[in-house]
Amino acid sequence: MLNEQALEALFADDESDHVERKPSLKQRREIQRSVCAFANDLSASGQVGVIFIGVEDDRSCSKLPITDELLRNLSDLSTDGGILPPPVIRVQKLTFRSCEVAVVEVKPADNPPVRCRGTIWVRIGPRLKTASAEEERRLSERRRATDRPFDLRPVTDANMADLDCNNFAQEYLTSAIDHDVLKENQRGIEQQLVSLRFMTPTGTLVNGALLTFGRDPLRWLPGAYVQFLRIDGTELTDPIRHQKELSGTLHEVLSRLDDLLAINISTRTDPVGKPRETRQPDYPLVALQQLTRNAIMHRTYEGTNTPVRIYWFSDRVEIYSPGGLYGQVNPDNFGKGATDYRNPLVAEAMNVLGYVQRFGLGIPSAKQELKKNGNQPPEFDFRPESVLVTLKRCG
């Protein structure tokens, strides 16, 4: 909600799609409708709507007594069942320019459309009106969007200039769509993005598009990178031999990560008998790939700016993924075929790009490769906010 200084600035401003004035509570039905319209926030601005009660349209004071009973009546607007789902409001008594007013602040609803006695009200500039079929559709789409997984939610401020369209066309589209179909349908790039769920039908990019093809994913999602540290010792405070931060398109991050993992593996050569010899890495590359890709696929971006972290100590590798186990996956069935996807569009993209062959087999495959190489089984630490996997060095 707004501070007093911001409210005073709005008090002095003209009526708009976020500000309304009423001289008294006699217009209670109109006030209800305004609360409903502010909660619907048709423009999707995310801004709080404000109703000043006790002031005329020309900003002169109506000298309405702002009593406790009046404030209670206004507070009841959110609980009396006239507006559904109930809006989040704050009611308070303030004085601006020697004029006592009741201030009703209305937070945009998480699940529009909101109805006042069965009718959807919206606000366009200073005008209050019932929603058209198209406006109702827009509000319903926004509600459904908040129910979607994070990577399928629209990003209203993003546009095509934020995408690396060449990467989409050359690296992704040719793998996602059969060549003959692609040649035949002759769709434009926006239609192709819509068909692959990277854009909503109304033309808004989703988080998964910015993660997969974004020119600068960190602008939108500050935690969308991989932090790699090669530490010369067994403690985090020991000297850092090498560090890297991997960001960019999903393909760039995964490709560079594969290279980084490969060059950090040490291989011991044991002569077995001329001309034969055995070569044993301290970690099998496939296991490292499966576990790091799993961390990238299943991490959360909500409520954190933490990256996926890979800390390579002299005796172990730690892979940290923000976000605990998701959905139906729990510590008992983890790695035993149970699957659920916090980021289903990212998971699909990793499959299309060739970094996932079969879903649900990453952890079993990593365990198998570690066993074949002579490493101990991976150790998993499951917490509500994270998953940490530790690999012990072989030899």
Protein backbone atom coordinates (compact mmCIF):
# COMPACT_ATOMS: atom_id res chain seq x y z
CA MET A 1 0.00 0.00 0.00
CA LEU A 2 1.01 3.67 -0.32
CA ASN A 3 2.67 5.97 2.19
CA GLU A 4 1.08 9.24 3.27
CA GLN A 5 3.25 11.35 0.98
CA ALA A 6 2.19 9.35 -2.08
CA LEU A 7 -1.45 9.56 -1.05
CA GLU A 8 -1.22 13.35 -0.67
CA ALA A 9 0.18 13.61 -4.20
CA LEU A 10 -2.75 11.58 -5.53
CA PHE A 11 -5.19 13.70 -3.52
CA ALA A 12 -3.98 16.75 -5.44
CA ASP A 13 -4.07 14.97 -8.81
CA ASP A 14 -6.92 14.53 -11.28
CA GLU A 15 -9.20 11.52 -11.23
CA SER A 16 -7.78 8.67 -13.28
CA ASP A 17 -7.88 4.90 -13.58
CA HIS A 18 -6.26 4.82 -10.11
CA VAL A 19 -7.91 7.76 -8.28
CA GLU A 20 -11.53 8.60 -7.46
CA ARG A 21 -13.26 11.09 -5.16
CA LYS A 22 -16.62 10.87 -3.37
CA PRO A 23 -18.22 13.56 -1.16
CA SER A 24 -19.97 11.08 1.16
CA LEU A 25 -20.90 7.47 1.83
CA LYS A 26 -24.31 8.02 0.20
CA GLN A 27 -22.70 6.74 -2.99
CA ARG A 28 -21.92 3.40 -1.31
CA ARG A 29 -23.04 1.37 -4.35
CA GLU A 30 -20.75 3.44 -6.59
CA ILE A 31 -17.93 3.06 -4.09
CA GLN A 32 -18.42 -0.72 -4.17
CA ARG A 33 -18.22 -0.68 -7.95
CA SER A 34 -15.07 1.43 -7.83
CA VAL A 35 -13.45 -0.97 -5.37
CA CYS A 36 -14.34 -3.81 -7.76
CA ALA A 37 -12.86 -1.94 -10.74
CA PHE A 38 -9.64 -1.07 -8.91
CA ALA A 39 -9.27 -4.70 -7.86
CA ASN A 40 -9.66 -5.80 -11.50
CA ASP A 41 -6.89 -3.40 -12.60
CA LEU A 42 -7.79 -3.77 -16.28
CA SER A 43 -4.59 -2.05 -17.44
CA ALA A 44 -2.52 -4.60 -15.46
CA SER A 45 -0.44 -1.75 -14.02
CA GLY A 46 -0.13 -3.38 -10.60
CA GLN A 47 -0.81 -0.01 -8.98
CA VAL A 48 -3.02 0.47 -5.93
CA GLY A 49 -6.36 2.18 -6.58
CA VAL A 50 -7.38 4.97 -4.18
CA ILE A 51 -10.81 6.39 -3.28
CA PHE A 52 -10.91 9.64 -1.29
CA ILE A 53 -14.21 10.01 0.58
CA GLY A 54 -15.10 13.45 1.94
CA VAL A 55 -13.96 15.49 -1.05
CA GLU A 56 -15.83 16.91 -4.06
CA ASP A 57 -14.86 16.36 -7.70
CA ASP A 58 -13.30 19.83 -7.77
CA ARG A 59 -11.06 18.81 -4.82
CA SER A 60 -12.94 21.04 -2.34
CA CYS A 61 -13.63 19.54 1.07
CA SER A 62 -17.19 18.25 1.60
CA LYS A 63 -16.66 18.49 5.38
CA LEU A 64 -17.92 14.97 5.92
CA PRO A 65 -17.43 13.81 9.52
CA ILE A 66 -14.96 10.93 9.36
CA THR A 67 -16.29 8.81 12.22
CA ASP A 68 -15.30 5.37 13.41
CA GLU A 69 -18.65 4.09 12.14
CA LEU A 70 -17.94 5.41 8.64
CA LEU A 71 -14.51 3.76 8.62
CA ARG A 72 -16.07 0.46 9.77
CA ASN A 73 -18.69 0.67 7.00
CA LEU A 74 -15.94 1.17 4.45
CA SER A 75 -13.91 -1.72 5.86
CA ASP A 76 -17.00 -3.94 5.49
CA LEU A 77 -16.78 -3.52 1.72
CA SER A 78 -14.21 -6.33 1.65
CA THR A 79 -16.14 -8.72 3.88
CA ASP A 80 -19.89 -8.25 3.32
CA GLY A 81 -20.03 -10.55 0.30
CA GLY A 82 -20.99 -7.81 -2.16
CA ILE A 83 -17.61 -8.06 -3.91
CA LEU A 84 -16.24 -11.48 -4.81
CA PRO A 85 -13.55 -12.66 -4.50
CA PRO A 86 -13.11 -10.36 -1.50
CA PRO A 87 -10.71 -7.53 -2.33
CA VAL A 88 -7.69 -6.58 -0.25
CA ILE A 89 -8.27 -3.02 1.00
CA ARG A 90 -6.95 -0.64 3.63
CA VAL A 91 -9.10 2.08 5.17
CA GLN A 92 -7.73 5.00 7.16
CA LYS A 93 -8.50 8.56 8.21
CA LEU A 94 -6.10 11.26 6.98
CA THR A 95 -5.98 15.03 6.69
CA PHE A 96 -4.86 16.76 3.51
CA ARG A 97 -4.86 20.56 3.21
CA SER A 98 -6.99 20.88 6.38
CA CYS A 99 -9.56 18.47 4.94
CA GLU A 100 -10.34 15.24 6.83
CA VAL A 101 -10.95 12.36 4.46
CA ALA A 102 -11.44 8.63 4.56
CA VAL A 103 -8.96 6.89 2.26
CA VAL A 104 -9.74 3.49 0.76
CA GLU A 105 -6.77 1.77 -0.91
CA VAL A 106 -7.49 -1.24 -3.11
CA LYS A 107 -4.83 -3.76 -4.08
CA PRO A 108 -5.04 -5.34 -7.58
CA ALA A 109 -6.51 -8.83 -7.28
CA ASP A 110 -4.36 -11.90 -7.79
CA ASN A 111 -7.30 -13.75 -9.31
CA PRO A 112 -9.44 -11.50 -11.49
CA PRO A 113 -12.11 -11.02 -12.64
CA VAL A 114 -13.65 -9.58 -9.46
CA ARG A 115 -17.42 -9.07 -9.47
CA CYS A 116 -19.59 -6.61 -7.59
CA ARG A 117 -22.97 -8.26 -7.08
CA GLY A 118 -22.39 -10.45 -10.08
CA THR A 119 -21.12 -7.74 -12.44
CA ILE A 120 -17.53 -7.17 -13.52
CA TRP A 121 -16.62 -3.50 -13.26
CA VAL A 122 -13.54 -1.92 -14.80
CA ARG A 123 -12.10 1.54 -15.00
CA ILE A 124 -10.81 3.26 -18.12
CA GLY A 125 -9.29 6.60 -17.15
CA PRO A 126 -11.81 8.29 -14.83
CA ARG A 127 -14.74 6.35 -16.33
CA LEU A 128 -16.34 3.39 -14.55
CA LYS A 129 -18.04 0.80 -16.76
CA THR A 130 -19.07 -2.83 -16.95
CA ALA A 131 -16.54 -5.07 -18.64
CA SER A 132 -17.04 -6.04 -22.26
CA ALA A 133 -16.64 -9.65 -23.35
CA GLU A 134 -13.14 -8.89 -24.59
CA GLU A 135 -12.17 -7.16 -21.32
CA GLU A 136 -13.55 -10.08 -19.33
CA ARG A 137 -11.49 -12.44 -21.47
CA ARG A 138 -8.35 -10.40 -20.76
CA LEU A 139 -9.00 -10.51 -17.03
CA SER A 140 -9.68 -14.26 -17.12
CA GLU A 141 -6.48 -14.88 -19.04
CA ARG A 142 -4.51 -12.97 -16.41
CA ARG A 143 -6.08 -15.08 -13.66
CA ARG A 144 -5.19 -18.28 -15.45
CA ALA A 145 -1.68 -16.94 -15.95
CA THR A 146 -1.10 -16.70 -12.20
CA ASP A 147 -2.12 -20.36 -11.89
CA ARG A 148 0.46 -21.43 -14.49
CA PRO A 149 3.96 -22.68 -13.69
CA PHE A 150 6.46 -19.86 -13.38
CA ASP A 151 8.09 -20.37 -16.77
CA LEU A 152 4.69 -20.18 -18.52
CA ARG A 153 3.65 -16.90 -16.89
CA PRO A 154 3.61 -13.81 -19.13
CA VAL A 155 6.10 -10.98 -18.69
CA THR A 156 4.12 -7.89 -19.62
CA ASP A 157 7.12 -5.57 -20.07
CA ALA A 158 9.10 -7.86 -22.39
CA ASN A 159 8.99 -7.64 -26.18
CA MET A 160 10.55 -9.26 -29.22
CA ALA A 161 13.67 -7.09 -28.96
CA ASP A 162 14.48 -8.96 -25.71
CA LEU A 163 14.81 -12.28 -27.58
CA ASP A 164 17.69 -13.67 -29.58
CA CYS A 165 15.46 -14.58 -32.51
CA ASN A 166 18.33 -16.09 -34.50
CA ASN A 167 18.99 -18.49 -31.65
CA PHE A 168 15.32 -19.43 -31.61
CA ALA A 169 15.19 -19.98 -35.36
CA GLN A 170 18.52 -21.76 -35.82
CA GLU A 171 19.09 -23.66 -32.56
CA TYR A 172 15.57 -24.43 -31.39
CA LEU A 173 12.92 -24.28 -34.08
CA THR A 174 14.67 -26.71 -36.40
CA SER A 175 14.88 -29.27 -33.59
CA ALA A 176 11.38 -28.70 -32.22
CA ILE A 177 9.46 -28.85 -35.52
CA ASP A 178 9.77 -31.39 -38.32
CA HIS A 179 11.61 -29.89 -41.30
CA ASP A 180 8.82 -30.62 -43.79
CA VAL A 181 6.16 -29.20 -41.48
CA LEU A 182 8.28 -26.13 -40.85
CA LYS A 183 8.77 -25.58 -44.56
CA GLU A 184 5.10 -26.07 -45.34
CA ASN A 185 3.35 -23.91 -42.73
CA GLN A 186 5.30 -20.69 -43.43
CA ARG A 187 4.36 -19.17 -40.07
CA GLY A 188 5.86 -15.93 -38.82
CA ILE A 189 8.15 -16.00 -35.82
CA GLU A 190 5.49 -14.74 -33.41
CA GLN A 191 3.08 -17.48 -34.51
CA GLN A 192 5.85 -20.01 -34.00
CA LEU A 193 6.54 -18.70 -30.50
CA VAL A 194 2.83 -18.96 -29.68
CA SER A 195 2.59 -22.51 -31.01
CA LEU A 196 5.55 -23.56 -28.84
CA ARG A 197 4.11 -21.78 -25.75
CA PHE A 198 6.88 -19.17 -25.52
CA MET A 199 4.29 -16.45 -26.17
CA THR A 200 0.66 -16.13 -25.10
CA PRO A 201 -2.06 -15.96 -27.77
CA THR A 202 -2.32 -12.24 -27.07
CA GLY A 203 1.34 -11.69 -27.95
CA THR A 204 3.06 -11.56 -24.54
CA LEU A 205 6.35 -13.37 -23.98
CA VAL A 206 6.56 -15.76 -21.03
CA ASN A 207 9.39 -16.28 -18.54
CA GLY A 208 10.46 -19.47 -20.31
CA ALA A 209 11.15 -17.54 -23.51
CA LEU A 210 13.47 -15.14 -21.68
CA LEU A 211 15.22 -18.05 -19.96
CA THR A 212 15.65 -20.01 -23.18
CA PHE A 213 16.35 -17.31 -25.80
CA GLY A 214 16.67 -14.06 -23.88
CA ARG A 215 19.39 -11.63 -24.93
CA ASP A 216 19.85 -10.68 -21.28
CA PRO A 217 17.97 -13.08 -18.97
CA LEU A 218 19.57 -11.48 -15.89
CA ARG A 219 17.68 -8.27 -16.59
CA TRP A 220 14.44 -10.10 -15.90
CA LEU A 221 15.62 -12.91 -13.62
CA PRO A 222 18.73 -11.92 -11.64
CA GLY A 223 19.33 -15.50 -10.46
CA ALA A 224 19.31 -17.02 -13.96
CA TYR A 225 22.94 -18.05 -14.10
CA VAL A 226 25.33 -20.78 -12.94
CA GLN A 227 28.13 -19.90 -10.51
CA PHE A 228 31.18 -22.17 -10.74
CA LEU A 229 34.05 -22.13 -8.24
CA ARG A 230 37.12 -24.37 -8.36
CA ILE A 231 38.53 -24.28 -4.82
CA ASP A 232 42.08 -25.31 -3.97
CA GLY A 233 41.21 -27.13 -0.76
CA THR A 234 38.32 -28.61 1.17
CA GLU A 235 36.87 -25.46 2.72
CA LEU A 236 35.00 -22.55 1.17
CA THR A 237 37.57 -20.20 2.70
CA ASP A 238 40.47 -21.88 0.85
CA PRO A 239 42.00 -20.17 -2.19
CA ILE A 240 39.89 -20.05 -5.36
CA ARG A 241 41.74 -21.51 -8.32
CA HIS A 242 39.12 -20.63 -10.92
CA GLN A 243 35.67 -19.05 -11.02
CA LYS A 244 33.09 -18.54 -13.72
CA GLU A 245 29.56 -17.21 -14.06
CA LEU A 246 27.58 -18.72 -16.92
CA SER A 247 24.64 -16.78 -18.30
CA GLY A 248 22.96 -16.26 -21.65
CA THR A 249 20.58 -18.39 -23.66
CA LEU A 250 19.80 -21.82 -22.26
CA HIS A 251 21.83 -23.53 -24.98
CA GLU A 252 24.84 -21.27 -24.32
CA VAL A 253 24.74 -21.95 -20.58
CA LEU A 254 24.42 -25.72 -20.94
CA SER A 255 27.04 -25.98 -23.69
CA ARG A 256 29.60 -23.89 -21.79
CA LEU A 257 28.84 -25.83 -18.62
CA ASP A 258 29.59 -29.13 -20.38
CA ASP A 259 32.96 -27.75 -21.48
CA LEU A 260 33.71 -26.42 -18.00
CA LEU A 261 32.94 -29.76 -16.35
CA ALA A 262 35.07 -31.67 -18.86
CA ILE A 263 38.20 -29.53 -18.44
CA ASN A 264 38.06 -29.78 -14.65
CA ILE A 265 37.98 -33.58 -14.54
CA SER A 266 41.32 -35.16 -13.67
CA THR A 267 42.15 -38.57 -15.13
CA ARG A 268 44.54 -41.04 -13.56
CA THR A 269 46.34 -43.47 -15.87
CA ASP A 270 47.29 -46.89 -14.50
CA PRO A 271 49.45 -49.22 -16.60
CA VAL A 272 47.92 -52.68 -16.77
CA GLY A 273 50.39 -54.34 -19.05
CA LYS A 274 51.88 -53.36 -22.32
CA PRO A 275 50.41 -52.02 -24.47
CA ARG A 276 47.25 -51.66 -22.32
CA GLU A 277 46.49 -49.09 -19.65
CA THR A 278 43.38 -47.93 -17.76
CA ARG A 279 42.24 -44.35 -17.50
CA GLN A 280 40.01 -43.43 -14.56
CA PRO A 281 38.52 -39.94 -14.06
CA ASP A 282 37.95 -38.60 -10.56
CA TYR A 283 34.33 -37.96 -11.61
CA PRO A 284 32.44 -39.42 -14.58
CA LEU A 285 31.39 -36.61 -16.94
CA VAL A 286 27.95 -38.07 -17.58
CA ALA A 287 27.12 -38.04 -13.86
CA LEU A 288 28.21 -34.41 -13.50
CA GLN A 289 26.16 -33.46 -16.57
CA GLN A 290 23.02 -35.21 -15.35
CA LEU A 291 23.17 -33.71 -11.87
CA THR A 292 23.95 -30.15 -12.97
CA ARG A 293 21.26 -30.24 -15.66
CA ASN A 294 18.80 -31.54 -13.07
CA ALA A 295 19.67 -28.58 -10.84
CA ILE A 296 19.07 -26.11 -13.69
CA MET A 297 15.83 -27.75 -14.80
CA HIS A 298 14.18 -27.97 -11.39
CA ARG A 299 15.39 -24.81 -9.64
CA THR A 300 12.99 -22.08 -8.53
CA TYR A 301 13.17 -18.45 -9.61
CA GLU A 302 10.47 -17.18 -7.26
CA GLY A 303 11.45 -15.45 -4.06
CA THR A 304 15.19 -15.78 -4.69
CA ASN A 305 17.97 -14.31 -6.82
CA THR A 306 20.32 -17.18 -5.96
CA PRO A 307 22.04 -18.94 -8.87
CA VAL A 308 22.67 -22.63 -9.31
CA ARG A 309 26.04 -23.12 -7.60
CA ILE A 310 28.75 -25.65 -8.43
CA TYR A 311 31.60 -25.69 -5.90
CA TRP A 312 34.45 -27.99 -6.93
CA PHE A 313 36.63 -28.76 -3.90
CA SER A 314 39.76 -30.91 -3.92
CA ASP A 315 37.83 -33.84 -2.38
CA ARG A 316 34.25 -33.33 -3.55
CA VAL A 317 31.84 -31.44 -5.82
CA GLU A 318 28.77 -29.70 -4.37
CA ILE A 319 25.83 -28.80 -6.63
CA TYR A 320 23.29 -26.44 -5.08
CA SER A 321 19.87 -25.81 -6.60
CA PRO A 322 17.52 -23.11 -5.19
CA GLY A 323 14.11 -24.54 -4.35
CA GLY A 324 13.16 -27.75 -2.57
CA LEU A 325 11.59 -30.85 -4.09
CA TYR A 326 8.53 -30.04 -6.13
CA GLY A 327 5.03 -31.47 -6.46
CA GLN A 328 4.70 -35.23 -6.03
CA VAL A 329 8.47 -35.76 -5.70
CA ASN A 330 9.60 -36.43 -2.12
CA PRO A 331 12.78 -37.79 -0.45
CA ASP A 332 11.41 -41.34 -0.59
CA ASN A 333 10.64 -41.47 -4.32
CA PHE A 334 13.35 -39.07 -5.53
CA GLY A 335 15.47 -40.67 -8.23
CA LYS A 336 13.16 -43.67 -8.51
CA GLY A 337 11.15 -42.59 -11.53
CA ALA A 338 8.88 -40.01 -9.85
CA THR A 339 8.67 -36.86 -11.94
CA ASP A 340 7.12 -33.43 -11.55
CA TYR A 341 8.18 -30.16 -13.11
CA ARG A 342 8.39 -26.76 -11.54
CA ASN A 343 9.50 -25.41 -14.94
CA PRO A 344 7.86 -27.64 -17.58
CA LEU A 345 8.69 -25.30 -20.49
CA VAL A 346 12.37 -25.20 -19.53
CA ALA A 347 12.35 -28.99 -19.21
CA GLU A 348 10.81 -29.27 -22.67
CA ALA A 349 13.40 -26.86 -24.10
CA MET A 350 16.27 -28.88 -22.61
CA ASN A 351 14.83 -31.97 -24.25
CA VAL A 352 14.45 -30.25 -27.64
CA LEU A 353 18.02 -28.92 -27.42
CA GLY A 354 19.33 -32.42 -26.76
CA TYR A 355 20.36 -32.05 -23.11
CA VAL A 356 17.68 -34.45 -21.82
CA GLN A 357 16.98 -37.70 -23.60
CA ARG A 358 14.41 -39.24 -21.26
CA PHE A 359 12.69 -37.54 -18.37
CA GLY A 360 13.01 -39.12 -14.95
CA LEU A 361 16.25 -40.99 -15.69
CA GLY A 362 18.80 -38.28 -14.87
CA ILE A 363 19.37 -39.25 -11.25
CA PRO A 364 19.40 -43.05 -11.84
CA SER A 365 21.82 -42.52 -14.74
CA ALA A 366 24.13 -40.40 -12.58
CA LYS A 367 24.11 -43.02 -9.82
CA GLN A 368 24.91 -45.77 -12.32
CA GLU A 369 27.84 -43.86 -13.83
CA LEU A 370 29.27 -43.04 -10.40
CA LYS A 371 29.11 -46.70 -9.38
CA LYS A 372 30.79 -47.85 -12.62
CA ASN A 373 33.58 -45.32 -12.06
CA GLY A 374 34.17 -46.41 -8.46
CA ASN A 375 32.74 -43.27 -6.79
CA GLN A 376 30.55 -43.37 -3.71
CA PRO A 377 26.80 -42.80 -4.25
CA PRO A 378 25.79 -39.12 -4.37
CA GLU A 379 24.63 -37.60 -1.09
CA PHE A 380 21.43 -35.52 -1.19
CA ASP A 381 20.43 -32.87 1.34
CA PHE A 382 16.77 -31.92 0.87
CA ARG A 383 15.57 -28.71 2.45
CA PRO A 384 12.41 -26.63 1.90
CA GLU A 385 14.42 -23.92 0.15
CA SER A 386 17.08 -25.97 -1.66
CA VAL A 387 18.53 -29.28 -2.81
CA LEU A 388 22.24 -29.94 -2.33
CA VAL A 389 24.00 -32.93 -3.91
CA THR A 390 27.55 -33.86 -2.94
CA LEU A 391 29.84 -36.11 -5.00
CA LYS A 392 32.94 -37.59 -3.40
CA ARG A 393 36.11 -37.77 -5.46
CA CYS A 394 37.22 -41.18 -6.69
CA GLY A 395 40.74 -42.23 -5.73
